N, C-alpha and C. Protein backbone atom coordinates (compact mmCIF):
# COMPACT_ATOMS: atom_id res chain seq x y z
N MET A 1 86.33 2.61 67.53
CA MET A 1 86.74 2.19 66.21
C MET A 1 87.40 3.37 65.52
N SER A 2 88.59 3.18 64.95
CA SER A 2 89.32 4.27 64.31
C SER A 2 88.72 4.60 62.96
N ALA A 3 89.04 5.82 62.47
CA ALA A 3 88.56 6.24 61.15
C ALA A 3 89.04 5.29 60.07
N THR A 4 90.27 4.80 60.23
CA THR A 4 90.83 3.88 59.24
C THR A 4 90.06 2.57 59.22
N SER A 5 89.69 2.05 60.38
CA SER A 5 88.99 0.78 60.41
C SER A 5 87.55 0.91 59.91
N LYS A 6 87.01 2.13 59.88
CA LYS A 6 85.66 2.34 59.35
C LYS A 6 85.63 2.31 57.83
N ARG A 7 86.77 2.50 57.20
CA ARG A 7 86.84 2.57 55.75
C ARG A 7 86.72 1.17 55.16
N LEU A 8 85.86 1.00 54.21
CA LEU A 8 85.63 -0.30 53.59
C LEU A 8 85.93 -0.22 52.11
N ARG A 9 86.34 -1.30 51.53
CA ARG A 9 86.53 -1.40 50.09
C ARG A 9 85.56 -2.44 49.57
N CYS A 10 84.99 -2.20 48.41
CA CYS A 10 84.11 -3.20 47.84
C CYS A 10 84.38 -3.32 46.34
N SER A 11 84.27 -4.50 45.84
CA SER A 11 84.48 -4.76 44.41
C SER A 11 83.13 -4.90 43.74
N LEU A 12 82.93 -4.23 42.62
CA LEU A 12 81.69 -4.33 41.88
C LEU A 12 81.75 -5.43 40.82
N GLY A 13 82.94 -5.99 40.63
CA GLY A 13 83.10 -7.08 39.67
C GLY A 13 83.11 -6.58 38.24
N ARG A 14 82.91 -7.51 37.30
CA ARG A 14 82.91 -7.16 35.88
C ARG A 14 81.70 -6.32 35.52
N LEU A 15 81.88 -5.45 34.53
CA LEU A 15 80.80 -4.59 34.08
C LEU A 15 79.73 -5.37 33.34
N GLY A 16 80.06 -6.51 32.77
CA GLY A 16 79.08 -7.30 32.04
C GLY A 16 79.50 -7.49 30.61
N PRO A 17 78.56 -7.94 29.75
CA PRO A 17 78.87 -8.22 28.35
C PRO A 17 79.49 -6.99 27.69
N GLY A 18 80.51 -7.23 26.90
CA GLY A 18 81.18 -6.16 26.17
C GLY A 18 82.19 -5.39 26.99
N ALA A 19 82.34 -5.72 28.24
CA ALA A 19 83.29 -5.00 29.09
C ALA A 19 84.71 -5.37 28.73
N VAL A 20 85.63 -4.49 28.99
CA VAL A 20 87.03 -4.75 28.77
C VAL A 20 87.44 -5.92 29.65
N ALA A 21 88.08 -6.93 29.06
CA ALA A 21 88.45 -8.13 29.81
C ALA A 21 89.30 -7.74 31.01
N GLY A 22 88.92 -8.28 32.14
CA GLY A 22 89.69 -8.06 33.37
C GLY A 22 89.43 -6.74 34.05
N LEU A 23 88.49 -5.93 33.53
CA LEU A 23 88.23 -4.63 34.14
C LEU A 23 87.42 -4.81 35.41
N PHE A 24 88.00 -4.44 36.51
CA PHE A 24 87.29 -4.50 37.78
C PHE A 24 87.17 -3.09 38.31
N LEU A 25 86.03 -2.81 38.90
CA LEU A 25 85.77 -1.50 39.46
C LEU A 25 85.93 -1.57 40.96
N ALA A 26 86.36 -0.47 41.54
CA ALA A 26 86.43 -0.41 42.99
C ALA A 26 85.67 0.81 43.45
N CYS A 27 84.98 0.69 44.52
CA CYS A 27 84.31 1.85 45.09
C CYS A 27 84.77 1.97 46.53
N SER A 28 84.81 3.20 46.98
CA SER A 28 85.20 3.43 48.36
C SER A 28 83.96 3.73 49.16
N CYS A 29 83.88 3.14 50.31
CA CYS A 29 82.76 3.37 51.21
C CYS A 29 83.35 3.81 52.54
N ALA A 30 82.77 4.79 53.15
CA ALA A 30 83.29 5.24 54.43
C ALA A 30 82.16 5.41 55.42
N ALA A 31 82.36 4.97 56.62
CA ALA A 31 81.40 5.22 57.68
C ALA A 31 81.67 6.60 58.22
N GLY A 32 80.67 7.41 58.36
CA GLY A 32 80.86 8.80 58.71
C GLY A 32 80.77 9.08 60.19
N GLY A 33 80.88 10.36 60.48
CA GLY A 33 80.93 10.78 61.85
C GLY A 33 79.62 11.26 62.41
N GLY A 34 78.50 11.03 61.75
CA GLY A 34 77.25 11.44 62.36
C GLY A 34 76.30 12.05 61.36
N GLN A 35 75.36 12.80 61.85
CA GLN A 35 74.28 13.36 61.06
C GLN A 35 74.77 14.51 60.18
N GLY A 36 75.44 14.21 59.10
CA GLY A 36 75.84 15.24 58.15
C GLY A 36 76.93 16.15 58.65
N THR A 37 77.70 15.72 59.61
CA THR A 37 78.78 16.53 60.15
C THR A 37 80.11 15.86 59.86
N PRO A 38 81.04 16.60 59.21
CA PRO A 38 82.36 16.01 58.96
C PRO A 38 83.05 15.63 60.26
N SER A 39 83.83 14.56 60.21
CA SER A 39 84.56 14.08 61.37
C SER A 39 85.92 14.76 61.46
N PRO A 40 86.37 15.13 62.65
CA PRO A 40 87.72 15.65 62.77
C PRO A 40 88.71 14.51 62.54
N SER A 41 89.77 14.78 61.79
CA SER A 41 90.73 13.72 61.51
C SER A 41 92.08 14.32 61.12
N PRO A 42 93.14 13.52 61.23
CA PRO A 42 94.46 14.00 60.84
C PRO A 42 94.53 14.21 59.33
N ALA A 43 95.47 14.98 58.88
CA ALA A 43 95.63 15.31 57.46
C ALA A 43 96.61 14.36 56.79
N PRO A 44 96.11 13.37 56.00
CA PRO A 44 97.02 12.52 55.25
C PRO A 44 97.57 13.26 54.04
N THR A 45 98.50 12.66 53.36
CA THR A 45 99.09 13.29 52.18
C THR A 45 98.71 12.51 50.93
N ALA A 46 98.73 13.18 49.79
CA ALA A 46 98.41 12.53 48.51
C ALA A 46 99.56 11.63 48.09
N SER A 47 99.27 10.69 47.17
CA SER A 47 100.31 9.77 46.70
C SER A 47 101.36 10.50 45.88
N GLY A 48 102.49 9.88 45.73
CA GLY A 48 103.58 10.48 44.99
C GLY A 48 103.63 10.05 43.54
N GLY A 49 102.60 9.39 43.01
CA GLY A 49 102.58 8.93 41.62
C GLY A 49 102.47 10.08 40.65
N PRO A 50 102.56 9.76 39.33
CA PRO A 50 102.42 10.80 38.31
C PRO A 50 101.09 11.53 38.46
N SER A 51 101.10 12.84 38.30
CA SER A 51 99.87 13.60 38.49
C SER A 51 99.53 14.44 37.26
N VAL A 52 98.29 14.90 37.23
CA VAL A 52 97.81 15.80 36.20
C VAL A 52 97.18 17.00 36.88
N ALA A 53 97.02 18.07 36.12
CA ALA A 53 96.38 19.26 36.66
C ALA A 53 94.88 19.01 36.84
N GLU A 54 94.38 19.37 37.99
CA GLU A 54 92.95 19.37 38.28
C GLU A 54 92.59 20.81 38.61
N ASP A 55 91.34 21.17 38.49
CA ASP A 55 90.90 22.52 38.84
C ASP A 55 89.54 22.44 39.51
N LEU A 56 89.53 21.88 40.71
CA LEU A 56 88.30 21.70 41.48
C LEU A 56 88.32 22.61 42.70
N THR A 57 87.31 23.44 42.83
CA THR A 57 87.22 24.35 43.97
C THR A 57 86.08 23.91 44.87
N PHE A 58 86.40 23.69 46.15
CA PHE A 58 85.45 23.26 47.16
C PHE A 58 85.16 24.42 48.10
N THR A 59 83.89 24.59 48.47
CA THR A 59 83.50 25.59 49.46
C THR A 59 82.62 24.91 50.50
N GLY A 60 82.56 25.48 51.69
CA GLY A 60 81.74 24.91 52.77
C GLY A 60 82.57 24.08 53.71
N ALA A 61 81.99 22.98 54.21
CA ALA A 61 82.66 22.11 55.19
C ALA A 61 83.97 21.54 54.65
N LEU A 62 84.04 21.29 53.35
CA LEU A 62 85.28 20.91 52.67
C LEU A 62 85.64 22.10 51.81
N SER A 63 86.76 22.74 52.12
CA SER A 63 87.06 24.02 51.49
C SER A 63 88.50 24.07 51.01
N GLY A 64 88.67 24.56 49.78
CA GLY A 64 90.00 24.72 49.19
C GLY A 64 89.98 24.32 47.73
N ARG A 65 91.16 24.22 47.15
CA ARG A 65 91.28 23.91 45.73
C ARG A 65 92.12 22.66 45.54
N MET A 66 91.63 21.75 44.72
CA MET A 66 92.40 20.57 44.32
C MET A 66 93.05 20.92 42.98
N ALA A 67 94.38 21.11 42.99
CA ALA A 67 95.09 21.57 41.81
C ALA A 67 95.79 20.45 41.05
N ALA A 68 95.93 19.28 41.67
CA ALA A 68 96.60 18.16 41.01
C ALA A 68 95.97 16.86 41.49
N GLY A 69 96.01 15.84 40.63
CA GLY A 69 95.46 14.54 40.99
C GLY A 69 96.36 13.43 40.52
N SER A 70 96.40 12.34 41.28
CA SER A 70 97.17 11.16 40.89
C SER A 70 96.30 9.93 41.10
N ALA A 71 96.69 8.82 40.49
CA ALA A 71 95.92 7.58 40.58
C ALA A 71 96.06 6.95 41.95
N GLY A 72 94.93 6.53 42.53
CA GLY A 72 94.92 5.82 43.80
C GLY A 72 94.98 4.32 43.57
N ASP A 73 94.88 3.56 44.65
CA ASP A 73 94.85 2.10 44.56
C ASP A 73 93.64 1.67 43.75
N THR A 74 93.75 0.58 43.04
CA THR A 74 92.68 0.01 42.20
C THR A 74 92.11 1.03 41.22
N TYR A 75 92.96 1.88 40.67
CA TYR A 75 92.56 2.97 39.79
C TYR A 75 92.07 2.47 38.43
N VAL A 76 90.98 3.07 37.96
CA VAL A 76 90.40 2.81 36.64
C VAL A 76 89.92 4.13 36.07
N CYS A 77 90.12 4.32 34.77
CA CYS A 77 89.51 5.43 34.05
C CYS A 77 89.11 4.86 32.70
N ALA A 78 87.84 4.45 32.57
CA ALA A 78 87.41 3.76 31.35
C ALA A 78 85.90 3.82 31.18
N ALA A 79 85.49 3.73 29.91
CA ALA A 79 84.08 3.59 29.56
C ALA A 79 83.95 2.25 28.85
N SER A 80 83.02 1.43 29.32
CA SER A 80 82.83 0.12 28.71
C SER A 80 81.51 -0.48 29.16
N GLY A 81 80.87 -1.20 28.27
CA GLY A 81 79.66 -1.92 28.64
C GLY A 81 78.55 -1.04 29.19
N GLY A 82 78.42 0.20 28.73
CA GLY A 82 77.38 1.09 29.22
C GLY A 82 77.68 1.74 30.55
N ALA A 83 78.94 1.71 30.99
CA ALA A 83 79.33 2.34 32.25
C ALA A 83 80.59 3.18 32.05
N PHE A 84 80.76 4.16 32.92
CA PHE A 84 81.98 4.97 32.95
C PHE A 84 82.47 5.01 34.39
N VAL A 85 83.76 4.77 34.57
CA VAL A 85 84.37 4.79 35.90
C VAL A 85 85.67 5.57 35.84
N ALA A 86 85.87 6.46 36.80
CA ALA A 86 87.13 7.18 36.96
C ALA A 86 87.42 7.26 38.44
N GLY A 87 88.54 6.68 38.85
CA GLY A 87 88.91 6.81 40.24
C GLY A 87 89.52 5.55 40.80
N PRO A 88 90.03 5.63 41.99
CA PRO A 88 90.11 6.86 42.76
C PRO A 88 91.20 7.80 42.24
N ILE A 89 90.84 9.07 42.21
CA ILE A 89 91.79 10.14 41.87
C ILE A 89 92.12 10.84 43.18
N LEU A 90 93.38 10.84 43.54
CA LEU A 90 93.82 11.42 44.81
C LEU A 90 94.33 12.84 44.63
N GLY A 91 93.94 13.71 45.53
CA GLY A 91 94.42 15.09 45.53
C GLY A 91 94.40 15.62 46.95
N VAL A 92 94.75 16.88 47.08
CA VAL A 92 94.78 17.53 48.39
C VAL A 92 93.90 18.77 48.34
N VAL A 93 93.02 18.91 49.32
CA VAL A 93 92.14 20.07 49.46
C VAL A 93 92.25 20.56 50.90
N GLY A 94 92.66 21.79 51.08
CA GLY A 94 92.76 22.35 52.42
C GLY A 94 93.67 21.55 53.33
N GLY A 95 94.73 20.95 52.78
CA GLY A 95 95.67 20.16 53.57
C GLY A 95 95.23 18.73 53.84
N LEU A 96 94.07 18.32 53.33
CA LEU A 96 93.56 16.97 53.53
C LEU A 96 93.57 16.18 52.22
N GLN A 97 93.92 14.90 52.29
CA GLN A 97 93.85 14.05 51.10
C GLN A 97 92.38 13.79 50.76
N VAL A 98 92.06 13.98 49.49
CA VAL A 98 90.71 13.74 48.97
C VAL A 98 90.80 12.64 47.93
N GLU A 99 89.86 11.72 47.97
CA GLU A 99 89.78 10.63 47.00
C GLU A 99 88.49 10.81 46.21
N MET A 100 88.62 11.13 44.91
CA MET A 100 87.47 11.36 44.05
C MET A 100 87.15 10.09 43.27
N ASN A 101 85.86 9.74 43.20
CA ASN A 101 85.40 8.59 42.42
C ASN A 101 84.19 8.97 41.60
N ILE A 102 84.17 8.54 40.33
CA ILE A 102 83.02 8.75 39.45
C ILE A 102 82.60 7.37 38.95
N THR A 103 81.33 7.04 39.12
CA THR A 103 80.78 5.79 38.61
C THR A 103 79.42 6.07 37.99
N LYS A 104 79.33 6.02 36.67
CA LYS A 104 78.06 6.19 35.96
C LYS A 104 77.72 4.85 35.33
N LEU A 105 76.70 4.16 35.87
CA LEU A 105 76.34 2.84 35.39
C LEU A 105 75.42 2.87 34.17
N SER A 106 74.77 3.99 33.90
CA SER A 106 73.93 4.15 32.71
C SER A 106 74.56 5.19 31.80
N PHE A 107 75.76 4.90 31.36
CA PHE A 107 76.56 5.84 30.58
C PHE A 107 76.20 5.73 29.10
N GLN A 108 75.89 6.87 28.49
CA GLN A 108 75.49 6.91 27.08
C GLN A 108 76.52 7.63 26.21
N GLY A 109 77.74 7.79 26.70
CA GLY A 109 78.79 8.48 25.95
C GLY A 109 79.01 9.88 26.49
N PRO A 110 79.94 10.61 25.88
CA PRO A 110 80.26 11.96 26.34
C PRO A 110 79.01 12.83 26.45
N GLY A 111 78.99 13.69 27.46
CA GLY A 111 77.86 14.59 27.64
C GLY A 111 77.63 14.95 29.08
N SER A 112 76.47 15.53 29.34
CA SER A 112 76.10 16.01 30.66
C SER A 112 75.18 15.00 31.35
N TYR A 113 75.44 14.76 32.64
CA TYR A 113 74.68 13.80 33.44
C TYR A 113 74.32 14.41 34.78
N THR A 114 73.35 13.80 35.45
CA THR A 114 73.09 14.19 36.83
C THR A 114 74.32 13.81 37.65
N ALA A 115 74.45 14.40 38.81
CA ALA A 115 75.67 14.23 39.61
C ALA A 115 75.75 12.91 40.35
N GLY A 116 74.69 12.12 40.40
CA GLY A 116 74.72 10.83 41.09
C GLY A 116 75.89 9.99 40.62
N GLY A 117 76.56 9.34 41.55
CA GLY A 117 77.71 8.51 41.21
C GLY A 117 79.04 9.21 41.37
N VAL A 118 79.03 10.46 41.79
CA VAL A 118 80.27 11.20 42.04
C VAL A 118 80.43 11.32 43.55
N SER A 119 81.62 10.99 44.06
CA SER A 119 81.84 11.11 45.50
C SER A 119 83.27 11.51 45.80
N PHE A 120 83.43 12.03 47.01
CA PHE A 120 84.73 12.47 47.51
C PHE A 120 84.89 11.94 48.92
N ASP A 121 85.96 11.20 49.18
CA ASP A 121 86.23 10.68 50.52
C ASP A 121 87.41 11.43 51.11
N VAL A 122 87.22 11.88 52.35
CA VAL A 122 88.24 12.60 53.10
C VAL A 122 88.31 11.95 54.48
N SER A 123 89.38 11.20 54.73
CA SER A 123 89.50 10.43 55.98
C SER A 123 88.24 9.60 56.16
N ALA A 124 87.50 9.79 57.26
CA ALA A 124 86.30 8.99 57.53
C ALA A 124 85.03 9.61 56.94
N ASP A 125 85.15 10.74 56.26
CA ASP A 125 83.97 11.42 55.72
C ASP A 125 83.74 11.09 54.26
N HIS A 126 82.47 10.87 53.92
CA HIS A 126 82.06 10.53 52.55
C HIS A 126 81.12 11.64 52.07
N TYR A 127 81.59 12.43 51.09
CA TYR A 127 80.80 13.51 50.49
C TYR A 127 80.22 13.00 49.18
N TYR A 128 78.94 13.32 48.91
CA TYR A 128 78.24 12.83 47.73
C TYR A 128 77.15 13.85 47.38
N PRO A 129 76.56 13.76 46.18
CA PRO A 129 75.54 14.74 45.79
C PRO A 129 74.36 14.74 46.76
N ALA A 130 74.00 15.91 47.22
CA ALA A 130 72.88 16.04 48.16
C ALA A 130 71.56 15.79 47.43
N THR A 131 70.66 15.12 48.09
CA THR A 131 69.34 14.84 47.54
C THR A 131 68.61 16.15 47.27
N GLY A 132 68.07 16.29 46.08
CA GLY A 132 67.30 17.47 45.73
C GLY A 132 68.11 18.68 45.32
N ALA A 133 69.42 18.65 45.48
CA ALA A 133 70.26 19.77 45.08
C ALA A 133 70.63 19.62 43.61
N ALA A 134 70.67 20.72 42.91
CA ALA A 134 71.09 20.68 41.51
C ALA A 134 72.55 20.25 41.44
N GLY A 135 72.88 19.51 40.42
CA GLY A 135 74.27 19.09 40.26
C GLY A 135 74.46 18.44 38.90
N THR A 136 75.64 18.67 38.31
CA THR A 136 75.93 18.07 37.01
C THR A 136 77.34 17.49 36.97
N LEU A 137 77.46 16.46 36.18
CA LEU A 137 78.73 15.86 35.82
C LEU A 137 78.80 15.90 34.30
N VAL A 138 79.88 16.42 33.76
CA VAL A 138 80.09 16.40 32.31
C VAL A 138 81.30 15.53 32.04
N VAL A 139 81.15 14.58 31.11
CA VAL A 139 82.25 13.75 30.64
C VAL A 139 82.57 14.23 29.22
N ALA A 140 83.81 14.66 29.00
CA ALA A 140 84.23 15.20 27.71
C ALA A 140 84.39 14.10 26.66
N ALA A 141 84.52 14.50 25.41
CA ALA A 141 84.64 13.56 24.28
C ALA A 141 85.85 12.65 24.41
N ASP A 142 86.91 13.09 25.11
CA ASP A 142 88.11 12.25 25.26
C ASP A 142 87.93 11.13 26.28
N LEU A 143 86.81 11.13 27.00
CA LEU A 143 86.51 10.15 28.05
C LEU A 143 87.60 10.09 29.13
N GLN A 144 88.33 11.18 29.28
CA GLN A 144 89.41 11.28 30.26
C GLN A 144 89.31 12.54 31.10
N SER A 145 88.28 13.35 30.86
CA SER A 145 88.17 14.63 31.55
C SER A 145 86.73 15.10 31.52
N GLY A 146 86.49 16.20 32.22
CA GLY A 146 85.16 16.80 32.24
C GLY A 146 85.05 17.84 33.33
N THR A 147 83.81 18.14 33.71
CA THR A 147 83.56 19.13 34.75
C THR A 147 82.52 18.60 35.74
N VAL A 148 82.48 19.23 36.91
CA VAL A 148 81.46 18.95 37.91
C VAL A 148 80.99 20.27 38.49
N ASP A 149 79.74 20.27 38.95
CA ASP A 149 79.15 21.40 39.67
C ASP A 149 78.09 20.77 40.58
N ILE A 150 78.46 20.51 41.84
CA ILE A 150 77.65 19.66 42.71
C ILE A 150 77.55 20.22 44.12
N GLY A 151 76.32 20.27 44.66
CA GLY A 151 76.09 20.51 46.09
C GLY A 151 76.30 19.19 46.81
N LEU A 152 77.13 19.17 47.84
CA LEU A 152 77.51 17.93 48.51
C LEU A 152 76.92 17.77 49.90
N ALA A 153 76.45 16.56 50.18
CA ALA A 153 76.06 16.15 51.53
C ALA A 153 77.24 15.36 52.10
N VAL A 154 77.19 15.07 53.39
CA VAL A 154 78.26 14.29 54.00
C VAL A 154 77.69 13.23 54.92
N ASN A 155 78.32 12.07 54.90
CA ASN A 155 78.01 10.96 55.80
C ASN A 155 76.56 10.53 55.74
N THR A 156 75.80 10.64 56.82
CA THR A 156 74.47 10.03 56.88
C THR A 156 73.31 10.98 56.64
N ASP A 157 73.55 12.22 56.25
CA ASP A 157 72.46 13.18 56.03
C ASP A 157 72.43 13.61 54.57
N PRO A 158 71.72 12.87 53.71
CA PRO A 158 71.73 13.16 52.27
C PRO A 158 70.96 14.42 51.88
N ASN A 159 70.17 14.99 52.79
CA ASN A 159 69.31 16.12 52.46
C ASN A 159 69.90 17.49 52.78
N HIS A 160 71.07 17.53 53.39
CA HIS A 160 71.64 18.79 53.85
C HIS A 160 72.94 19.08 53.08
N VAL A 161 72.95 20.15 52.30
CA VAL A 161 74.15 20.55 51.57
C VAL A 161 75.12 21.19 52.55
N VAL A 162 76.33 20.59 52.66
CA VAL A 162 77.35 21.11 53.57
C VAL A 162 78.56 21.65 52.83
N ALA A 163 78.66 21.32 51.53
CA ALA A 163 79.80 21.77 50.74
C ALA A 163 79.38 21.84 49.27
N HIS A 164 80.22 22.42 48.46
CA HIS A 164 79.97 22.53 47.03
C HIS A 164 81.30 22.35 46.31
N VAL A 165 81.27 21.65 45.17
CA VAL A 165 82.46 21.51 44.34
C VAL A 165 82.12 21.94 42.92
N ARG A 166 83.03 22.67 42.31
CA ARG A 166 82.84 23.15 40.94
C ARG A 166 84.21 23.19 40.26
N GLY A 167 84.25 22.75 39.01
CA GLY A 167 85.48 22.88 38.25
C GLY A 167 85.72 21.71 37.32
N ALA A 168 86.96 21.62 36.87
CA ALA A 168 87.37 20.62 35.87
C ALA A 168 88.17 19.50 36.51
N TRP A 169 87.88 18.24 36.07
CA TRP A 169 88.62 17.08 36.52
C TRP A 169 89.28 16.43 35.31
N ARG A 170 90.31 15.64 35.58
CA ARG A 170 91.03 14.93 34.52
C ARG A 170 91.55 13.63 35.11
N CYS A 171 91.51 12.56 34.32
CA CYS A 171 92.07 11.27 34.75
C CYS A 171 93.59 11.33 34.71
N PRO A 172 94.26 10.97 35.79
CA PRO A 172 95.72 10.88 35.77
C PRO A 172 96.18 9.66 34.97
N PRO A 173 97.46 9.58 34.65
CA PRO A 173 97.98 8.40 33.95
C PRO A 173 97.76 7.13 34.78
N GLY A 174 97.57 6.01 34.11
CA GLY A 174 97.47 4.75 34.81
C GLY A 174 96.15 4.03 34.66
N GLY A 175 95.13 4.67 34.08
CA GLY A 175 93.82 4.05 33.91
C GLY A 175 93.80 3.12 32.72
N SER A 176 92.85 2.15 32.75
CA SER A 176 92.76 1.24 31.62
C SER A 176 91.66 1.65 30.69
């Protein structure tokens, strides 16, 4: 089975009462390459849509700097009905396309949150906050930007930190 065929898309549907009419969320799910080990894969390129400056530095198994981001397919950047969603935001890290997604279902407005709900997909690899590792997501007052500082696990091993991301993110144009 190819890395592409392992990638799944799922719709979370409407956020619920008070949600922006027609707002649908998308999440990316990827089947990984094993017990916390990134899969070898070809280097795709980021989309050519309008971009904004990002300042995310990755270390470890995913290493490099994401300096720009653009809106991916089914892109949303909005807070509504007690939830906040931003993504997919596409960028390039170490020559690989990265897809960043933020989904906070218990959103209480701008501020600092635990890192749960933040993920990065690179080809067939799914990076997410490692269990037990310190991590924060900050959503700024503009609801269009913030910061992250997260120890990341990959694929099927949530307890092993294989990478770290730190820096500032911003929603590219195109979100509702």
